[in-house]
Amino acid sequence: MWGVWGTAIGLRPSIHAAAKARKDLPVSITSLYDKINHTEPGMVRALVQGSAERLEPVLQPMRHGQVATVPGYRVRILDGNHLAGALST
């Protein structure tokens, strides 16, 4: 499901582009789309819920107007709407 996530967060413009960019793709692009098309909605829901649960420690401070920080690092917030433009420059 790496192609779906890469597409969802804006690293690739499409699943097809993500698949073509991967040199070691062990299946055909048709097989990849068949797998995606037959993925149960409940499975996708579970993946999203699991991701949300793991991100909760990061999101919680943001909900209270605080920024979750790691000592020694600067925090930058990226707007996903502009990721594609930022990556192409």
PDB file of N, CA and C in Angstrom:
ATOM      1  N   MET A   1       0.812  -1.197   0.000  1.00  0.00           N
ATOM      2  CA  MET A   1       0.000   0.000   0.000  1.00  0.00           C
ATOM      3  C   MET A   1       0.859   1.267   0.000  1.00  0.00           C
ATOM      4  N   TRP A   2       2.165   1.130  -0.172  1.00  0.00           N
ATOM      5  CA  TRP A   2       3.082   2.277  -0.182  1.00  0.00           C
ATOM      6  C   TRP A   2       2.676   3.302  -1.221  1.00  0.00           C
ATOM      7  N   GLY A   3       2.186   2.857  -2.375  1.00  0.00           N
ATOM      8  CA  GLY A   3       1.798   3.790  -3.433  1.00  0.00           C
ATOM      9  C   GLY A   3       0.602   4.632  -3.048  1.00  0.00           C
ATOM     10  N   VAL A   4      -0.338   4.018  -2.341  1.00  0.00           N
ATOM     11  CA  VAL A   4      -1.517   4.748  -1.887  1.00  0.00           C
ATOM     12  C   VAL A   4      -1.105   5.829  -0.906  1.00  0.00           C
ATOM     13  N   TRP A   5      -0.231   5.479   0.059  1.00  0.00           N
ATOM     14  CA  TRP A   5       0.193   6.464   1.055  1.00  0.00           C
ATOM     15  C   TRP A   5       1.022   7.561   0.409  1.00  0.00           C
ATOM     16  N   GLY A   6       1.918   7.193  -0.480  1.00  0.00           N
ATOM     17  CA  GLY A   6       2.735   8.202  -1.155  1.00  0.00           C
ATOM     18  C   GLY A   6       1.894   9.173  -1.957  1.00  0.00           C
ATOM     19  N   THR A   7       0.828   8.651  -2.543  1.00  0.00           N
ATOM     20  CA  THR A   7      -0.090   9.496  -3.298  1.00  0.00           C
ATOM     21  C   THR A   7      -0.927  10.350  -2.345  1.00  0.00           C
ATOM     22  N   ALA A   8      -1.392   9.746  -1.256  1.00  0.00           N
ATOM     23  CA  ALA A   8      -2.248  10.466  -0.306  1.00  0.00           C
ATOM     24  C   ALA A   8      -1.537  11.648   0.333  1.00  0.00           C
ATOM     25  N   ILE A   9      -0.242  11.519   0.587  1.00  0.00           N
ATOM     26  CA  ILE A   9       0.472  12.624   1.231  1.00  0.00           C
ATOM     27  C   ILE A   9       1.163  13.535   0.232  1.00  0.00           C
ATOM     28  N   GLY A  10       0.959  13.290  -1.055  1.00  0.00           N
ATOM     29  CA  GLY A  10       1.449  14.208  -2.064  1.00  0.00           C
ATOM     30  C   GLY A  10       2.853  13.952  -2.578  1.00  0.00           C
ATOM     31  N   LEU A  11       3.439  12.807  -2.229  1.00  0.00           N
ATOM     32  CA  LEU A  11       4.773  12.513  -2.741  1.00  0.00           C
ATOM     33  C   LEU A  11       4.741  12.142  -4.221  1.00  0.00           C
ATOM     34  N   ARG A  12       3.646  11.570  -4.657  1.00  0.00           N
ATOM     35  CA  ARG A  12       3.454  11.214  -6.065  1.00  0.00           C
ATOM     36  C   ARG A  12       2.076  11.705  -6.506  1.00  0.00           C
ATOM     37  N   PRO A  13       1.942  12.103  -7.766  1.00  0.00           N
ATOM     38  CA  PRO A  13       0.650  12.628  -8.223  1.00  0.00           C
ATOM     39  C   PRO A  13      -0.423  11.556  -8.393  1.00  0.00           C
ATOM     40  N   SER A  14      -0.011  10.282  -8.527  1.00  0.00           N
ATOM     41  CA  SER A  14      -0.977   9.206  -8.716  1.00  0.00           C
ATOM     42  C   SER A  14      -0.355   7.882  -8.289  1.00  0.00           C
ATOM     43  N   ILE A  15      -1.200   6.889  -8.109  1.00  0.00           N
ATOM     44  CA  ILE A  15      -0.701   5.552  -7.783  1.00  0.00           C
ATOM     45  C   ILE A  15       0.126   5.025  -8.947  1.00  0.00           C
ATOM     46  N   HIS A  16      -0.315   5.303 -10.156  1.00  0.00           N
ATOM     47  CA  HIS A  16       0.422   4.865 -11.341  1.00  0.00           C
ATOM     48  C   HIS A  16       1.836   5.456 -11.341  1.00  0.00           C
ATOM     49  N   ALA A  17       1.948   6.741 -11.033  1.00  0.00           N
ATOM     50  CA  ALA A  17       3.267   7.390 -10.987  1.00  0.00           C
ATOM     51  C   ALA A  17       4.130   6.786  -9.883  1.00  0.00           C
ATOM     52  N   ALA A  18       3.517   6.484  -8.738  1.00  0.00           N
ATOM     53  CA  ALA A  18       4.263   5.867  -7.637  1.00  0.00           C
ATOM     54  C   ALA A  18       4.769   4.487  -8.042  1.00  0.00           C
ATOM     55  N   ALA A  19       3.942   3.729  -8.738  1.00  0.00           N
ATOM     56  CA  ALA A  19       4.343   2.391  -9.176  1.00  0.00           C
ATOM     57  C   ALA A  19       5.461   2.465 -10.209  1.00  0.00           C
ATOM     58  N   LYS A  20       5.350   3.391 -11.151  1.00  0.00           N
ATOM     59  CA  LYS A  20       6.389   3.527 -12.176  1.00  0.00           C
ATOM     60  C   LYS A  20       7.717   3.978 -11.582  1.00  0.00           C
ATOM     61  N   ALA A  21       7.659   4.776 -10.518  1.00  0.00           N
ATOM     62  CA  ALA A  21       8.885   5.282  -9.897  1.00  0.00           C
ATOM     63  C   ALA A  21       9.625   4.198  -9.126  1.00  0.00           C
ATOM     64  N   ARG A  22       8.920   3.166  -8.764  1.00  0.00           N
ATOM     65  CA  ARG A  22       9.541   2.085  -7.993  1.00  0.00           C
ATOM     66  C   ARG A  22      10.152   1.066  -8.954  1.00  0.00           C
ATOM     67  N   LYS A  23      11.459   0.991  -8.952  1.00  0.00           N
ATOM     68  CA  LYS A  23      12.173   0.113  -9.889  1.00  0.00           C
ATOM     69  C   LYS A  23      11.998  -1.364  -9.558  1.00  0.00           C
ATOM     70  N   ASP A  24      11.801  -1.678  -8.277  1.00  0.00           N
ATOM     71  CA  ASP A  24      11.731  -3.077  -7.856  1.00  0.00           C
ATOM     72  C   ASP A  24      10.302  -3.549  -7.588  1.00  0.00           C
ATOM     73  N   LEU A  25       9.323  -2.972  -8.276  1.00  0.00           N
ATOM     74  CA  LEU A  25       7.930  -3.368  -8.092  1.00  0.00           C
ATOM     75  C   LEU A  25       7.780  -4.839  -8.487  1.00  0.00           C
ATOM     76  N   PRO A  26       7.394  -5.703  -7.544  1.00  0.00           N
ATOM     77  CA  PRO A  26       7.368  -7.137  -7.824  1.00  0.00           C
ATOM     78  C   PRO A  26       6.140  -7.621  -8.598  1.00  0.00           C
ATOM     79  N   VAL A  27       5.196  -6.726  -8.902  1.00  0.00           N
ATOM     80  CA  VAL A  27       3.984  -7.110  -9.629  1.00  0.00           C
ATOM     81  C   VAL A  27       3.728  -6.118 -10.752  1.00  0.00           C
ATOM     82  N   SER A  28       2.814  -6.484 -11.644  1.00  0.00           N
ATOM     83  CA  SER A  28       2.451  -5.559 -12.718  1.00  0.00           C
ATOM     84  C   SER A  28       1.564  -4.449 -12.154  1.00  0.00           C
ATOM     85  N   ILE A  29       1.503  -3.351 -12.876  1.00  0.00           N
ATOM     86  CA  ILE A  29       0.651  -2.236 -12.450  1.00  0.00           C
ATOM     87  C   ILE A  29      -0.816  -2.667 -12.454  1.00  0.00           C
ATOM     88  N   THR A  30      -1.191  -3.510 -13.399  1.00  0.00           N
ATOM     89  CA  THR A  30      -2.559  -4.030 -13.436  1.00  0.00           C
ATOM     90  C   THR A  30      -2.868  -4.811 -12.168  1.00  0.00           C
ATOM     91  N   SER A  31      -1.934  -5.656 -11.737  1.00  0.00           N
ATOM     92  CA  SER A  31      -2.132  -6.423 -10.498  1.00  0.00           C
ATOM     93  C   SER A  31      -2.255  -5.500  -9.293  1.00  0.00           C
ATOM     94  N   LEU A  32      -1.466  -4.446  -9.291  1.00  0.00           N
ATOM     95  CA  LEU A  32      -1.525  -3.475  -8.198  1.00  0.00           C
ATOM     96  C   LEU A  32      -2.918  -2.844  -8.122  1.00  0.00           C
ATOM     97  N   TYR A  33      -3.443  -2.404  -9.264  1.00  0.00           N
ATOM     98  CA  TYR A  33      -4.778  -1.807  -9.282  1.00  0.00           C
ATOM     99  C   TYR A  33      -5.851  -2.826  -8.907  1.00  0.00           C
ATOM    100  N   ASP A  34      -5.688  -4.078  -9.345  1.00  0.00           N
ATOM    101  CA  ASP A  34      -6.648  -5.118  -8.955  1.00  0.00           C
ATOM    102  C   ASP A  34      -6.676  -5.280  -7.437  1.00  0.00           C
ATOM    103  N   LYS A  35      -5.507  -5.275  -6.824  1.00  0.00           N
ATOM    104  CA  LYS A  35      -5.418  -5.409  -5.365  1.00  0.00           C
ATOM    105  C   LYS A  35      -6.102  -4.227  -4.675  1.00  0.00           C
ATOM    106  N   ILE A  36      -5.822  -3.031  -5.147  1.00  0.00           N
ATOM    107  CA  ILE A  36      -6.431  -1.835  -4.549  1.00  0.00           C
ATOM    108  C   ILE A  36      -7.949  -1.867  -4.706  1.00  0.00           C
ATOM    109  N   ASN A  37      -8.412  -2.242  -5.883  1.00  0.00           N
ATOM    110  CA  ASN A  37      -9.852  -2.259  -6.148  1.00  0.00           C
ATOM    111  C   ASN A  37     -10.595  -3.310  -5.336  1.00  0.00           C
ATOM    112  N   HIS A  38      -9.878  -4.336  -4.876  1.00  0.00           N
ATOM    113  CA  HIS A  38     -10.520  -5.394  -4.099  1.00  0.00           C
ATOM    114  C   HIS A  38     -10.227  -5.294  -2.602  1.00  0.00           C
ATOM    115  N   THR A  39      -9.643  -4.186  -2.179  1.00  0.00           N
ATOM    116  CA  THR A  39      -9.382  -3.984  -0.757  1.00  0.00           C
ATOM    117  C   THR A  39     -10.687  -3.594  -0.072  1.00  0.00           C
ATOM    118  N   GLU A  40     -11.018  -4.312   0.975  1.00  0.00           N
ATOM    119  CA  GLU A  40     -12.260  -4.063   1.701  1.00  0.00           C
ATOM    120  C   GLU A  40     -12.232  -2.689   2.374  1.00  0.00           C
ATOM    121  N   PRO A  41     -13.337  -1.957   2.319  1.00  0.00           N
ATOM    122  CA  PRO A  41     -13.397  -0.654   2.986  1.00  0.00           C
ATOM    123  C   PRO A  41     -13.054  -0.739   4.479  1.00  0.00           C
ATOM    124  N   GLY A  42     -13.423  -1.838   5.122  1.00  0.00           N
ATOM    125  CA  GLY A  42     -13.107  -2.011   6.537  1.00  0.00           C
ATOM    126  C   GLY A  42     -11.611  -2.052   6.792  1.00  0.00           C
ATOM    127  N   MET A  43     -10.857  -2.618   5.851  1.00  0.00           N
ATOM    128  CA  MET A  43      -9.403  -2.678   5.983  1.00  0.00           C
ATOM    129  C   MET A  43      -8.808  -1.272   5.898  1.00  0.00           C
ATOM    130  N   VAL A  44      -9.289  -0.503   4.946  1.00  0.00           N
ATOM    131  CA  VAL A  44      -8.809   0.870   4.798  1.00  0.00           C
ATOM    132  C   VAL A  44      -9.165   1.677   6.051  1.00  0.00           C
ATOM    133  N   ARG A  45     -10.379   1.492   6.547  1.00  0.00           N
ATOM    134  CA  ARG A  45     -10.809   2.185   7.764  1.00  0.00           C
ATOM    135  C   ARG A  45      -9.882   1.832   8.929  1.00  0.00           C
ATOM    136  N   ALA A  46      -9.540   0.555   9.065  1.00  0.00           N
ATOM    137  CA  ALA A  46      -8.651   0.124  10.151  1.00  0.00           C
ATOM    138  C   ALA A  46      -7.261   0.740  10.005  1.00  0.00           C
ATOM    139  N   LEU A  47      -6.765   0.840   8.785  1.00  0.00           N
ATOM    140  CA  LEU A  47      -5.459   1.460   8.564  1.00  0.00           C
ATOM    141  C   LEU A  47      -5.469   2.932   8.973  1.00  0.00           C
ATOM    142  N   VAL A  48      -6.531   3.632   8.598  1.00  0.00           N
ATOM    143  CA  VAL A  48      -6.637   5.053   8.940  1.00  0.00           C
ATOM    144  C   VAL A  48      -6.785   5.228  10.450  1.00  0.00           C
ATOM    145  N   GLN A  49      -7.614   4.397  11.079  1.00  0.00           N
ATOM    146  CA  GLN A  49      -7.797   4.497  12.528  1.00  0.00           C
ATOM    147  C   GLN A  49      -6.497   4.189  13.269  1.00  0.00           C
ATOM    148  N   GLY A  50      -5.768   3.179  12.804  1.00  0.00           N
ATOM    149  CA  GLY A  50      -4.492   2.840  13.426  1.00  0.00           C
ATOM    150  C   GLY A  50      -3.489   3.972  13.314  1.00  0.00           C
ATOM    151  N   SER A  51      -3.464   4.608  12.148  1.00  0.00           N
ATOM    152  CA  SER A  51      -2.563   5.754  11.958  1.00  0.00           C
ATOM    153  C   SER A  51      -2.947   6.895  12.889  1.00  0.00           C
ATOM    154  N   ALA A  52      -4.241   7.149  13.014  1.00  0.00           N
ATOM    155  CA  ALA A  52      -4.712   8.226  13.890  1.00  0.00           C
ATOM    156  C   ALA A  52      -4.346   7.944  15.344  1.00  0.00           C
ATOM    157  N   GLU A  53      -4.464   6.693  15.758  1.00  0.00           N
ATOM    158  CA  GLU A  53      -4.109   6.342  17.139  1.00  0.00           C
ATOM    159  C   GLU A  53      -2.619   6.559  17.394  1.00  0.00           C
ATOM    160  N   ARG A  54      -1.780   6.187  16.433  1.00  0.00           N
ATOM    161  CA  ARG A  54      -0.335   6.368  16.606  1.00  0.00           C
ATOM    162  C   ARG A  54       0.053   7.844  16.585  1.00  0.00           C
ATOM    163  N   LEU A  55      -0.704   8.662  15.871  1.00  0.00           N
ATOM    164  CA  LEU A  55      -0.401  10.093  15.792  1.00  0.00           C
ATOM    165  C   LEU A  55      -1.014  10.903  16.934  1.00  0.00           C
ATOM    166  N   GLU A  56      -1.836  10.288  17.745  1.00  0.00           N
ATOM    167  CA  GLU A  56      -2.513  11.005  18.829  1.00  0.00           C
ATOM    168  C   GLU A  56      -1.551  11.790  19.720  1.00  0.00           C
ATOM    169  N   PRO A  57      -0.393  11.232  20.118  1.00  0.00           N
ATOM    170  CA  PRO A  57       0.526  12.024  20.953  1.00  0.00           C
ATOM    171  C   PRO A  57       1.025  13.299  20.260  1.00  0.00           C
ATOM    172  N   VAL A  58       1.059  13.304  18.948  1.00  0.00           N
ATOM    173  CA  VAL A  58       1.478  14.496  18.205  1.00  0.00           C
ATOM    174  C   VAL A  58       0.309  15.469  18.076  1.00  0.00           C
ATOM    175  N   LEU A  59      -0.874  14.931  17.829  1.00  0.00           N
ATOM    176  CA  LEU A  59      -2.046  15.781  17.611  1.00  0.00           C
ATOM    177  C   LEU A  59      -2.574  16.425  18.885  1.00  0.00           C
ATOM    178  N   GLN A  60      -2.482  15.725  20.002  1.00  0.00           N
ATOM    179  CA  GLN A  60      -3.059  16.223  21.256  1.00  0.00           C
ATOM    180  C   GLN A  60      -2.556  17.617  21.631  1.00  0.00           C
ATOM    181  N   PRO A  61      -1.248  17.873  21.663  1.00  0.00           N
ATOM    182  CA  PRO A  61      -0.796  19.231  22.003  1.00  0.00           C
ATOM    183  C   PRO A  61      -1.282  20.286  21.006  1.00  0.00           C
ATOM    184  N   MET A  62      -1.403  19.915  19.743  1.00  0.00           N
ATOM    185  CA  MET A  62      -1.851  20.870  18.727  1.00  0.00           C
ATOM    186  C   MET A  62      -3.294  21.288  18.960  1.00  0.00           C
ATOM    187  N   ARG A  63      -4.099  20.374  19.474  1.00  0.00           N
ATOM    188  CA  ARG A  63      -5.500  20.695  19.747  1.00  0.00           C
ATOM    189  C   ARG A  63      -5.633  21.734  20.857  1.00  0.00           C
ATOM    190  N   HIS A  64      -4.628  21.821  21.695  1.00  0.00           N
ATOM    191  CA  HIS A  64      -4.659  22.762  22.816  1.00  0.00           C
ATOM    192  C   HIS A  64      -3.819  24.001  22.543  1.00  0.00           C
ATOM    193  N   GLY A  65      -3.494  24.236  21.277  1.00  0.00           N
ATOM    194  CA  GLY A  65      -2.744  25.427  20.906  1.00  0.00           C
ATOM    195  C   GLY A  65      -1.258  25.331  21.173  1.00  0.00           C
ATOM    196  N   GLN A  66      -0.792  24.154  21.523  1.00  0.00           N
ATOM    197  CA  GLN A  66       0.632  23.951  21.762  1.00  0.00           C
ATOM    198  C   GLN A  66       1.223  23.257  20.544  1.00  0.00           C
ATOM    199  N   VAL A  67       2.514  23.270  20.447  1.00  0.00           N
ATOM    200  CA  VAL A  67       3.186  22.564  19.360  1.00  0.00           C
ATOM    201  C   VAL A  67       4.043  21.474  19.979  1.00  0.00           C
ATOM    202  N   ALA A  68       3.864  20.253  19.496  1.00  0.00           N
ATOM    203  CA  ALA A  68       4.693  19.145  19.973  1.00  0.00           C
ATOM    204  C   ALA A  68       6.101  19.337  19.429  1.00  0.00           C
ATOM    205  N   THR A  69       7.073  19.364  20.314  1.00  0.00           N
ATOM    206  CA  THR A  69       8.447  19.585  19.872  1.00  0.00           C
ATOM    207  C   THR A  69       9.363  18.476  20.359  1.00  0.00           C
ATOM    208  N   VAL A  70      10.468  18.375  19.683  1.00  0.00           N
ATOM    209  CA  VAL A  70      11.538  17.471  20.074  1.00  0.00           C
ATOM    210  C   VAL A  70      12.728  18.362  20.387  1.00  0.00           C
ATOM    211  N   PRO A  71      13.302  18.235  21.577  1.00  0.00           N
ATOM    212  CA  PRO A  71      14.425  19.105  21.938  1.00  0.00           C
ATOM    213  C   PRO A  71      15.528  19.082  20.879  1.00  0.00           C
ATOM    214  N   GLY A  72      15.980  20.272  20.504  1.00  0.00           N
ATOM    215  CA  GLY A  72      17.054  20.386  19.521  1.00  0.00           C
ATOM    216  C   GLY A  72      16.588  20.506  18.078  1.00  0.00           C
ATOM    217  N   TYR A  73      15.268  20.397  17.833  1.00  0.00           N
ATOM    218  CA  TYR A  73      14.744  20.477  16.474  1.00  0.00           C
ATOM    219  C   TYR A  73      13.776  21.644  16.352  1.00  0.00           C
ATOM    220  N   ARG A  74      13.771  22.276  15.185  1.00  0.00           N
ATOM    221  CA  ARG A  74      12.784  23.318  14.892  1.00  0.00           C
ATOM    222  C   ARG A  74      11.537  22.657  14.335  1.00  0.00           C
ATOM    223  N   VAL A  75      10.392  23.218  14.625  1.00  0.00           N
ATOM    224  CA  VAL A  75       9.130  22.678  14.139  1.00  0.00           C
ATOM    225  C   VAL A  75       8.690  23.467  12.921  1.00  0.00           C
ATOM    226  N   ARG A  76       8.325  22.757  11.878  1.00  0.00           N
ATOM    227  CA  ARG A  76       7.746  23.373  10.684  1.00  0.00           C
ATOM    228  C   ARG A  76       6.465  22.634  10.360  1.00  0.00           C
ATOM    229  N   ILE A  77       5.451  23.366   9.993  1.00  0.00           N
ATOM    230  CA  ILE A  77       4.177  22.765   9.640  1.00  0.00           C
ATOM    231  C   ILE A  77       3.972  22.958   8.151  1.00  0.00           C
ATOM    232  N   LEU A  78       3.757  21.852   7.451  1.00  0.00           N
ATOM    233  CA  LEU A  78       3.559  21.891   6.007  1.00  0.00           C
ATOM    234  C   LEU A  78       2.086  21.764   5.691  1.00  0.00           C
ATOM    235  N   ASP A  79       1.622  22.575   4.784  1.00  0.00           N
ATOM    236  CA  ASP A  79       0.259  22.480   4.293  1.00  0.00           C
ATOM    237  C   ASP A  79       0.277  21.494   3.140  1.00  0.00           C
ATOM    238  N   GLY A  80      -0.432  20.394   3.276  1.00  0.00           N
ATOM    239  CA  GLY A  80      -0.446  19.357   2.251  1.00  0.00           C
ATOM    240  C   GLY A  80      -0.909  19.838   0.890  1.00  0.00           C
ATOM    241  N   ASN A  81      -1.653  20.937   0.838  1.00  0.00           N
ATOM    242  CA  ASN A  81      -2.114  21.465  -0.437  1.00  0.00           C
ATOM    243  C   ASN A  81      -0.974  22.007  -1.283  1.00  0.00           C
ATOM    244  N   HIS A  82       0.152  22.292  -0.665  1.00  0.00           N
ATOM    245  CA  HIS A  82       1.264  22.883  -1.395  1.00  0.00           C
ATOM    246  C   HIS A  82       2.454  21.946  -1.514  1.00  0.00           C
ATOM    247  N   LEU A  83       2.319  20.712  -1.058  1.00  0.00           N
ATOM    248  CA  LEU A  83       3.429  19.769  -1.087  1.00  0.00           C
ATOM    249  C   LEU A  83       3.917  19.489  -2.501  1.00  0.00           C
ATOM    250  N   ALA A  84       3.020  19.262  -3.428  1.00  0.00           N
ATOM    251  CA  ALA A  84       3.434  18.922  -4.790  1.00  0.00           C
ATOM    252  C   ALA A  84       4.286  20.029  -5.387  1.00  0.00           C
ATOM    253  N   GLY A  85       3.901  21.271  -5.194  1.00  0.00           N
ATOM    254  CA  GLY A  85       4.679  22.392  -5.706  1.00  0.00           C
ATOM    255  C   GLY A  85       6.030  22.498  -5.033  1.00  0.00           C
ATOM    256  N   ALA A  86       6.074  22.232  -3.745  1.00  0.00           N
ATOM    257  CA  ALA A  86       7.337  22.323  -3.002  1.00  0.00           C
ATOM    258  C   ALA A  86       8.301  21.236  -3.439  1.00  0.00           C
ATOM    259  N   LEU A  87       7.786  20.060  -3.763  1.00  0.00           N
ATOM    260  CA  LEU A  87       8.648  18.950  -4.145  1.00  0.00           C
ATOM    261  C   LEU A  87       9.150  19.063  -5.574  1.00  0.00           C
ATOM    262  N   SER A  88       8.457  19.823  -6.400  1.00  0.00           N
ATOM    263  CA  SER A  88       8.853  19.908  -7.806  1.00  0.00           C
ATOM    264  C   SER A  88       9.895  20.990  -8.055  1.00  0.00           C
ATOM    265  N   THR A  89      10.206  21.815  -7.057  1.00  0.00           N
ATOM    266  CA  THR A  89      11.180  22.890  -7.264  1.00  0.00           C
ATOM    267  C   THR A  89      12.577  22.447  -6.937  1.00  0.00           C
TER     268      THR A  89
END
